[in-house]
PDB file of N, CA and C in Angstrom:
ATOM      1  N   UNK A   1       5.988  11.067 -21.827  1.00  0.00           N
ATOM      2  CA  UNK A   1       4.683  11.667 -21.625  1.00  0.00           C
ATOM      3  C   UNK A   1       4.879  12.940 -20.803  1.00  0.00           C
ATOM      4  N   UNK A   2       4.126  13.959 -21.100  1.00  0.00           N
ATOM      5  CA  UNK A   2       4.233  15.218 -20.388  1.00  0.00           C
ATOM      6  C   UNK A   2       2.880  15.616 -19.824  1.00  0.00           C
ATOM      7  N   UNK A   3       2.913  16.449 -18.804  1.00  0.00           N
ATOM      8  CA  UNK A   3       1.705  17.034 -18.241  1.00  0.00           C
ATOM      9  C   UNK A   3       2.033  18.478 -17.904  1.00  0.00           C
ATOM     10  N   UNK A   4       1.041  19.253 -17.550  1.00  0.00           N
ATOM     11  CA  UNK A   4       1.242  20.673 -17.311  1.00  0.00           C
ATOM     12  C   UNK A   4       0.714  21.041 -15.929  1.00  0.00           C
ATOM     13  N   UNK A   5       1.441  21.933 -15.259  1.00  0.00           N
ATOM     14  CA  UNK A   5       0.995  22.439 -13.957  1.00  0.00           C
ATOM     15  C   UNK A   5      -0.104  23.463 -14.219  1.00  0.00           C
ATOM     16  N   UNK A   6      -1.238  23.312 -13.537  1.00  0.00           N
ATOM     17  CA  UNK A   6      -2.393  24.196 -13.725  1.00  0.00           C
ATOM     18  C   UNK A   6      -2.855  24.721 -12.372  1.00  0.00           C
ATOM     19  N   UNK A   7      -3.555  25.844 -12.406  1.00  0.00           N
ATOM     20  CA  UNK A   7      -4.168  26.392 -11.192  1.00  0.00           C
ATOM     21  C   UNK A   7      -5.289  25.459 -10.743  1.00  0.00           C
ATOM     22  N   UNK A   8      -5.372  25.255  -9.419  1.00  0.00           N
ATOM     23  CA  UNK A   8      -6.414  24.413  -8.840  1.00  0.00           C
ATOM     24  C   UNK A   8      -6.823  25.101  -7.551  1.00  0.00           C
ATOM     25  N   UNK A   9      -7.817  25.969  -7.618  1.00  0.00           N
ATOM     26  CA  UNK A   9      -8.194  26.782  -6.474  1.00  0.00           C
ATOM     27  C   UNK A   9      -7.042  27.715  -6.138  1.00  0.00           C
ATOM     28  N   UNK A  10      -6.616  27.739  -4.878  1.00  0.00           N
ATOM     29  CA  UNK A  10      -5.487  28.567  -4.453  1.00  0.00           C
ATOM     30  C   UNK A  10      -4.153  27.824  -4.560  1.00  0.00           C
ATOM     31  N   UNK A  11      -4.165  26.632  -5.129  1.00  0.00           N
ATOM     32  CA  UNK A  11      -2.953  25.818  -5.268  1.00  0.00           C
ATOM     33  C   UNK A  11      -2.678  25.559  -6.740  1.00  0.00           C
ATOM     34  N   UNK A  12      -1.708  24.707  -6.993  1.00  0.00           N
ATOM     35  CA  UNK A  12      -1.439  24.230  -8.340  1.00  0.00           C
ATOM     36  C   UNK A  12      -1.535  22.713  -8.328  1.00  0.00           C
ATOM     37  N   UNK A  13      -1.833  22.162  -9.478  1.00  0.00           N
ATOM     38  CA  UNK A  13      -1.956  20.716  -9.547  1.00  0.00           C
ATOM     39  C   UNK A  13      -1.583  20.199 -10.914  1.00  0.00           C
ATOM     40  N   UNK A  14      -1.411  18.902 -10.995  1.00  0.00           N
ATOM     41  CA  UNK A  14      -1.166  18.235 -12.273  1.00  0.00           C
ATOM     42  C   UNK A  14      -2.150  17.082 -12.397  1.00  0.00           C
ATOM     43  N   UNK A  15      -2.438  16.705 -13.618  1.00  0.00           N
ATOM     44  CA  UNK A  15      -3.264  15.522 -13.867  1.00  0.00           C
ATOM     45  C   UNK A  15      -2.337  14.409 -14.321  1.00  0.00           C
ATOM     46  N   UNK A  16      -2.514  13.256 -13.727  1.00  0.00           N
ATOM     47  CA  UNK A  16      -1.685  12.105 -14.077  1.00  0.00           C
ATOM     48  C   UNK A  16      -2.548  11.149 -14.892  1.00  0.00           C
ATOM     49  N   UNK A  17      -2.112  10.791 -16.092  1.00  0.00           N
ATOM     50  CA  UNK A  17      -2.907   9.895 -16.936  1.00  0.00           C
ATOM     51  C   UNK A  17      -3.186   8.559 -16.249  1.00  0.00           C
ATOM     52  N   UNK A  18      -4.359   8.013 -16.545  1.00  0.00           N
ATOM     53  CA  UNK A  18      -4.809   6.765 -15.934  1.00  0.00           C
ATOM     54  C   UNK A  18      -3.838   5.613 -16.182  1.00  0.00           C
ATOM     55  N   UNK A  19      -3.217   5.582 -17.366  1.00  0.00           N
ATOM     56  CA  UNK A  19      -2.275   4.504 -17.685  1.00  0.00           C
ATOM     57  C   UNK A  19      -1.086   4.520 -16.732  1.00  0.00           C
ATOM     58  N   UNK A  20      -0.617   5.721 -16.396  1.00  0.00           N
ATOM     59  CA  UNK A  20       0.507   5.852 -15.469  1.00  0.00           C
ATOM     60  C   UNK A  20       0.084   5.389 -14.078  1.00  0.00           C
ATOM     61  N   UNK A  21      -1.104   5.811 -13.633  1.00  0.00           N
ATOM     62  CA  UNK A  21      -1.598   5.400 -12.313  1.00  0.00           C
ATOM     63  C   UNK A  21      -1.779   3.891 -12.247  1.00  0.00           C
ATOM     64  N   UNK A  22      -2.317   3.296 -13.292  1.00  0.00           N
ATOM     65  CA  UNK A  22      -2.496   1.841 -13.313  1.00  0.00           C
ATOM     66  C   UNK A  22      -1.157   1.121 -13.207  1.00  0.00           C
ATOM     67  N   UNK A  23      -0.175   1.610 -13.954  1.00  0.00           N
ATOM     68  CA  UNK A  23       1.142   0.975 -13.931  1.00  0.00           C
ATOM     69  C   UNK A  23       1.798   1.088 -12.558  1.00  0.00           C
ATOM     70  N   UNK A  24       1.528   2.204 -11.857  1.00  0.00           N
ATOM     71  CA  UNK A  24       2.096   2.419 -10.522  1.00  0.00           C
ATOM     72  C   UNK A  24       1.211   1.831  -9.426  1.00  0.00           C
ATOM     73  N   UNK A  25       0.109   1.186  -9.811  1.00  0.00           N
ATOM     74  CA  UNK A  25      -0.830   0.595  -8.847  1.00  0.00           C
ATOM     75  C   UNK A  25      -1.362   1.642  -7.871  1.00  0.00           C
ATOM     76  N   UNK A  26      -1.720   2.810  -8.397  1.00  0.00           N
ATOM     77  CA  UNK A  26      -2.297   3.894  -7.606  1.00  0.00           C
ATOM     78  C   UNK A  26      -3.753   4.041  -8.020  1.00  0.00           C
ATOM     79  N   UNK A  27      -4.651   4.075  -7.034  1.00  0.00           N
ATOM     80  CA  UNK A  27      -6.079   4.228  -7.305  1.00  0.00           C
ATOM     81  C   UNK A  27      -6.594   5.495  -6.650  1.00  0.00           C
ATOM     82  N   UNK A  28      -7.794   5.870  -7.011  1.00  0.00           N
ATOM     83  CA  UNK A  28      -8.433   7.071  -6.499  1.00  0.00           C
ATOM     84  C   UNK A  28      -8.421   7.082  -4.969  1.00  0.00           C
ATOM     85  N   UNK A  29      -8.065   8.203  -4.395  1.00  0.00           N
ATOM     86  CA  UNK A  29      -8.006   8.437  -2.942  1.00  0.00           C
ATOM     87  C   UNK A  29      -6.817   7.779  -2.247  1.00  0.00           C
ATOM     88  N   UNK A  30      -5.887   7.175  -2.982  1.00  0.00           N
ATOM     89  CA  UNK A  30      -4.653   6.702  -2.355  1.00  0.00           C
ATOM     90  C   UNK A  30      -3.863   7.893  -1.830  1.00  0.00           C
ATOM     91  N   UNK A  31      -3.146   7.694  -0.760  1.00  0.00           N
ATOM     92  CA  UNK A  31      -2.283   8.732  -0.202  1.00  0.00           C
ATOM     93  C   UNK A  31      -0.872   8.493  -0.723  1.00  0.00           C
ATOM     94  N   UNK A  32      -0.227   9.556  -1.211  1.00  0.00           N
ATOM     95  CA  UNK A  32       1.130   9.459  -1.731  1.00  0.00           C
ATOM     96  C   UNK A  32       2.045  10.382  -0.949  1.00  0.00           C
ATOM     97  N   UNK A  33       3.267   9.950  -0.706  1.00  0.00           N
ATOM     98  CA  UNK A  33       4.289  10.806  -0.113  1.00  0.00           C
ATOM     99  C   UNK A  33       4.947  11.605  -1.230  1.00  0.00           C
ATOM    100  N   UNK A  34       5.224  12.889  -0.972  1.00  0.00           N
ATOM    101  CA  UNK A  34       5.914  13.743  -1.932  1.00  0.00           C
ATOM    102  C   UNK A  34       7.333  13.953  -1.438  1.00  0.00           C
ATOM    103  N   UNK A  35       8.303  13.689  -2.312  1.00  0.00           N
ATOM    104  CA  UNK A  35       9.709  13.861  -1.972  1.00  0.00           C
ATOM    105  C   UNK A  35      10.388  14.657  -3.077  1.00  0.00           C
ATOM    106  N   UNK A  36      11.434  15.363  -2.716  1.00  0.00           N
ATOM    107  CA  UNK A  36      12.268  16.046  -3.688  1.00  0.00           C
ATOM    108  C   UNK A  36      13.599  15.301  -3.735  1.00  0.00           C
ATOM    109  N   UNK A  37      14.006  14.868  -4.928  1.00  0.00           N
ATOM    110  CA  UNK A  37      15.244  14.129  -5.085  1.00  0.00           C
ATOM    111  C   UNK A  37      16.007  14.712  -6.273  1.00  0.00           C
ATOM    112  N   UNK A  38      17.144  15.348  -5.993  1.00  0.00           N
ATOM    113  CA  UNK A  38      17.973  15.949  -7.049  1.00  0.00           C
ATOM    114  C   UNK A  38      17.163  16.877  -7.946  1.00  0.00           C
ATOM    115  N   UNK A  39      16.319  17.695  -7.334  1.00  0.00           N
ATOM    116  CA  UNK A  39      15.532  18.663  -8.086  1.00  0.00           C
ATOM    117  C   UNK A  39      14.302  18.090  -8.771  1.00  0.00           C
ATOM    118  N   UNK A  40      14.010  16.812  -8.553  1.00  0.00           N
ATOM    119  CA  UNK A  40      12.838  16.175  -9.157  1.00  0.00           C
ATOM    120  C   UNK A  40      11.781  15.928  -8.092  1.00  0.00           C
ATOM    121  N   UNK A  41      10.528  16.106  -8.456  1.00  0.00           N
ATOM    122  CA  UNK A  41       9.412  15.790  -7.559  1.00  0.00           C
ATOM    123  C   UNK A  41       9.104  14.306  -7.730  1.00  0.00           C
ATOM    124  N   UNK A  42       9.127  13.575  -6.626  1.00  0.00           N
ATOM    125  CA  UNK A  42       8.899  12.134  -6.668  1.00  0.00           C
ATOM    126  C   UNK A  42       7.688  11.812  -5.800  1.00  0.00           C
ATOM    127  N   UNK A  43       6.714  11.129  -6.385  1.00  0.00           N
ATOM    128  CA  UNK A  43       5.537  10.674  -5.646  1.00  0.00           C
ATOM    129  C   UNK A  43       5.741   9.209  -5.305  1.00  0.00           C
ATOM    130  N   UNK A  44       5.585   8.863  -4.029  1.00  0.00           N
ATOM    131  CA  UNK A  44       5.833   7.498  -3.571  1.00  0.00           C
ATOM    132  C   UNK A  44       4.607   6.988  -2.826  1.00  0.00           C
ATOM    133  N   UNK A  45       4.153   5.808  -3.215  1.00  0.00           N
ATOM    134  CA  UNK A  45       3.062   5.166  -2.490  1.00  0.00           C
ATOM    135  C   UNK A  45       3.666   4.486  -1.271  1.00  0.00           C
ATOM    136  N   UNK A  46       3.330   4.956  -0.053  1.00  0.00           N
ATOM    137  CA  UNK A  46       3.958   4.373   1.135  1.00  0.00           C
ATOM    138  C   UNK A  46       3.508   2.928   1.352  1.00  0.00           C
ATOM    139  N   UNK A  47       4.393   2.156   1.991  1.00  0.00           N
ATOM    140  CA  UNK A  47       4.066   0.765   2.318  1.00  0.00           C
ATOM    141  C   UNK A  47       2.974   0.748   3.372  1.00  0.00           C
ATOM    142  N   UNK A  48       1.997  -0.106   3.177  1.00  0.00           N
ATOM    143  CA  UNK A  48       0.914  -0.248   4.143  1.00  0.00           C
ATOM    144  C   UNK A  48       0.663  -1.733   4.354  1.00  0.00           C
ATOM    145  N   UNK A  49       0.638  -2.142   5.616  1.00  0.00           N
ATOM    146  CA  UNK A  49       0.326  -3.529   5.914  1.00  0.00           C
ATOM    147  C   UNK A  49      -1.124  -3.807   5.551  1.00  0.00           C
ATOM    148  N   UNK A  50      -1.376  -5.004   5.080  1.00  0.00           N
ATOM    149  CA  UNK A  50      -2.733  -5.397   4.733  1.00  0.00           C
ATOM    150  C   UNK A  50      -3.522  -5.694   6.006  1.00  0.00           C
ATOM    151  N   UNK A  51      -4.817  -5.408   5.953  1.00  0.00           N
ATOM    152  CA  UNK A  51      -5.691  -5.749   7.071  1.00  0.00           C
ATOM    153  C   UNK A  51      -5.974  -7.247   7.035  1.00  0.00           C
ATOM    154  N   UNK A  52      -6.505  -7.761   8.118  1.00  0.00           N
ATOM    155  CA  UNK A  52      -6.856  -9.181   8.166  1.00  0.00           C
ATOM    156  C   UNK A  52      -7.886  -9.497   7.084  1.00  0.00           C
ATOM    157  N   UNK A  53      -8.828  -8.585   6.863  1.00  0.00           N
ATOM    158  CA  UNK A  53      -9.849  -8.796   5.847  1.00  0.00           C
ATOM    159  C   UNK A  53      -9.228  -8.866   4.450  1.00  0.00           C
ATOM    160  N   UNK A  54      -8.246  -7.994   4.170  1.00  0.00           N
ATOM    161  CA  UNK A  54      -7.577  -8.012   2.871  1.00  0.00           C
ATOM    162  C   UNK A  54      -6.801  -9.307   2.680  1.00  0.00           C
ATOM    163  N   UNK A  55      -6.166  -9.769   3.731  1.00  0.00           N
ATOM    164  CA  UNK A  55      -5.425 -11.028   3.644  1.00  0.00           C
ATOM    165  C   UNK A  55      -6.379 -12.206   3.439  1.00  0.00           C
ATOM    166  N   UNK A  56      -7.516 -12.195   4.130  1.00  0.00           N
ATOM    167  CA  UNK A  56      -8.491 -13.275   3.979  1.00  0.00           C
ATOM    168  C   UNK A  56      -9.054 -13.291   2.562  1.00  0.00           C
ATOM    169  N   UNK A  57      -9.263 -12.112   1.982  1.00  0.00           N
ATOM    170  CA  UNK A  57      -9.807 -12.032   0.620  1.00  0.00           C
ATOM    171  C   UNK A  57      -8.878 -12.700  -0.384  1.00  0.00           C
ATOM    172  N   UNK A  58      -7.581 -12.684  -0.140  1.00  0.00           N
ATOM    173  CA  UNK A  58      -6.625 -13.336  -1.025  1.00  0.00           C
ATOM    174  C   UNK A  58      -6.789 -14.857  -1.022  1.00  0.00           C
ATOM    175  N   UNK A  59      -7.420 -15.390   0.028  1.00  0.00           N
ATOM    176  CA  UNK A  59      -7.642 -16.833   0.147  1.00  0.00           C
ATOM    177  C   UNK A  59      -9.122 -17.159   0.016  1.00  0.00           C
ATOM    178  N   UNK A  60      -9.838 -16.361  -0.755  1.00  0.00           N
ATOM    179  CA  UNK A  60     -11.257 -16.629  -0.968  1.00  0.00           C
ATOM    180  C   UNK A  60     -12.104 -16.290   0.242  1.00  0.00           C
ATOM    181  N   UNK A  61     -11.591 -15.495   1.160  1.00  0.00           N
ATOM    182  CA  UNK A  61     -12.353 -15.084   2.333  1.00  0.00           C
ATOM    183  C   UNK A  61     -12.430 -16.146   3.409  1.00  0.00           C
ATOM    184  N   UNK A  62     -11.664 -17.222   3.283  1.00  0.00           N
ATOM    185  CA  UNK A  62     -11.732 -18.314   4.259  1.00  0.00           C
ATOM    186  C   UNK A  62     -10.420 -18.408   5.024  1.00  0.00           C
ATOM    187  N   UNK A  63     -10.508 -18.256   6.325  1.00  0.00           N
ATOM    188  CA  UNK A  63      -9.348 -18.436   7.188  1.00  0.00           C
ATOM    189  C   UNK A  63      -9.585 -19.643   8.078  1.00  0.00           C
ATOM    190  N   UNK A  64      -8.598 -20.456   8.234  1.00  0.00           N
ATOM    191  CA  UNK A  64      -8.714 -21.631   9.100  1.00  0.00           C
ATOM    192  C   UNK A  64      -8.097 -21.297  10.455  1.00  0.00           C
ATOM    193  N   UNK A  65      -8.862 -20.609  11.287  1.00  0.00           N
ATOM    194  CA  UNK A  65      -8.355 -20.199  12.587  1.00  0.00           C
ATOM    195  C   UNK A  65      -8.933 -21.014  13.731  1.00  0.00           C
ATOM    196  N   UNK A  66      -9.740 -22.002  13.426  1.00  0.00           N
ATOM    197  CA  UNK A  66     -10.350 -22.801  14.486  1.00  0.00           C
ATOM    198  C   UNK A  66      -9.393 -23.894  14.944  1.00  0.00           C
ATOM    199  N   UNK A  67      -9.509 -24.250  16.189  1.00  0.00           N
ATOM    200  CA  UNK A  67      -8.676 -25.305  16.736  1.00  0.00           C
ATOM    201  C   UNK A  67      -7.355 -24.792  17.271  1.00  0.00           C
ATOM    202  N   UNK A  68      -6.564 -25.714  17.763  1.00  0.00           N
ATOM    203  CA  UNK A  68      -5.272 -25.370  18.329  1.00  0.00           C
ATOM    204  C   UNK A  68      -4.167 -25.688  17.333  1.00  0.00           C
ATOM    205  N   UNK A  69      -3.048 -25.038  17.532  1.00  0.00           N
ATOM    206  CA  UNK A  69      -1.896 -25.284  16.674  1.00  0.00           C
ATOM    207  C   UNK A  69      -0.810 -25.930  17.515  1.00  0.00           C
ATOM    208  N   UNK A  70      -0.216 -26.997  17.008  1.00  0.00           N
ATOM    209  CA  UNK A  70       0.846 -27.695  17.724  1.00  0.00           C
ATOM    210  C   UNK A  70       2.182 -27.077  17.341  1.00  0.00           C
ATOM    211  N   UNK A  71       2.816 -26.405  18.306  1.00  0.00           N
ATOM    212  CA  UNK A  71       4.101 -25.758  18.071  1.00  0.00           C
ATOM    213  C   UNK A  71       5.262 -26.714  18.330  1.00  0.00           C
ATOM    214  N   UNK A  72       4.969 -27.953  18.694  1.00  0.00           N
ATOM    215  CA  UNK A  72       6.019 -28.922  18.940  1.00  0.00           C
ATOM    216  C   UNK A  72       6.455 -28.902  20.399  1.00  0.00           C
ATOM    217  N   UNK A  73       7.501 -29.645  20.686  1.00  0.00           N
ATOM    218  CA  UNK A  73       8.024 -29.736  22.050  1.00  0.00           C
ATOM    219  C   UNK A  73       8.753 -28.450  22.434  1.00  0.00           C
ATOM    220  N   UNK A  74       8.751 -28.110  23.751  1.00  0.00           N
ATOM    221  CA  UNK A  74       9.471 -26.920  24.206  1.00  0.00           C
ATOM    222  C   UNK A  74      10.970 -27.008  23.861  1.00  0.00           C
ATOM    223  N   UNK A  75      11.511 -25.880  23.466  1.00  0.00           N
ATOM    224  CA  UNK A  75      12.936 -25.787  23.165  1.00  0.00           C
ATOM    225  C   UNK A  75      13.457 -24.595  23.936  1.00  0.00           C
ATOM    226  N   UNK A  76      14.352 -24.827  24.856  1.00  0.00           N
ATOM    227  CA  UNK A  76      14.876 -23.710  25.632  1.00  0.00           C
ATOM    228  C   UNK A  76      14.217 -23.651  26.999  1.00  0.00           C
ATOM    229  N   UNK A  77      13.957 -22.428  27.501  1.00  0.00           N
ATOM    230  CA  UNK A  77      13.461 -22.271  28.878  1.00  0.00           C
ATOM    231  C   UNK A  77      11.997 -21.871  28.959  1.00  0.00           C
ATOM    232  N   UNK A  78      11.241 -21.962  27.829  1.00  0.00           N
ATOM    233  CA  UNK A  78       9.826 -21.585  27.918  1.00  0.00           C
ATOM    234  C   UNK A  78       9.061 -22.568  28.805  1.00  0.00           C
ATOM    235  N   UNK A  79       8.026 -22.071  29.416  1.00  0.00           N
ATOM    236  CA  UNK A  79       7.194 -22.881  30.314  1.00  0.00           C
ATOM    237  C   UNK A  79       5.875 -23.152  29.623  1.00  0.00           C
ATOM    238  N   UNK A  80       5.422 -24.437  29.637  1.00  0.00           N
ATOM    239  CA  UNK A  80       4.167 -24.814  28.998  1.00  0.00           C
ATOM    240  C   UNK A  80       3.189 -25.235  30.028  1.00  0.00           C
TER     241      UNK A  80
END
């Protein structure tokens, strides 16, 4: 697949087909890092940790954070 560099205001830009963005898991307003590697322009989606809300959404929005957690008996020199 090919695309063409076009004028975009005082800069230049390219349009990336939606199929390519979908395959790369890139959505509108995502931030991408631009790198040059062996004369090629490489766009990289930087790693981003998920927020607590995003993690909760993966479990149906329900987190079981109530109550205490039993870490077991002390091991080593920790004080309880």
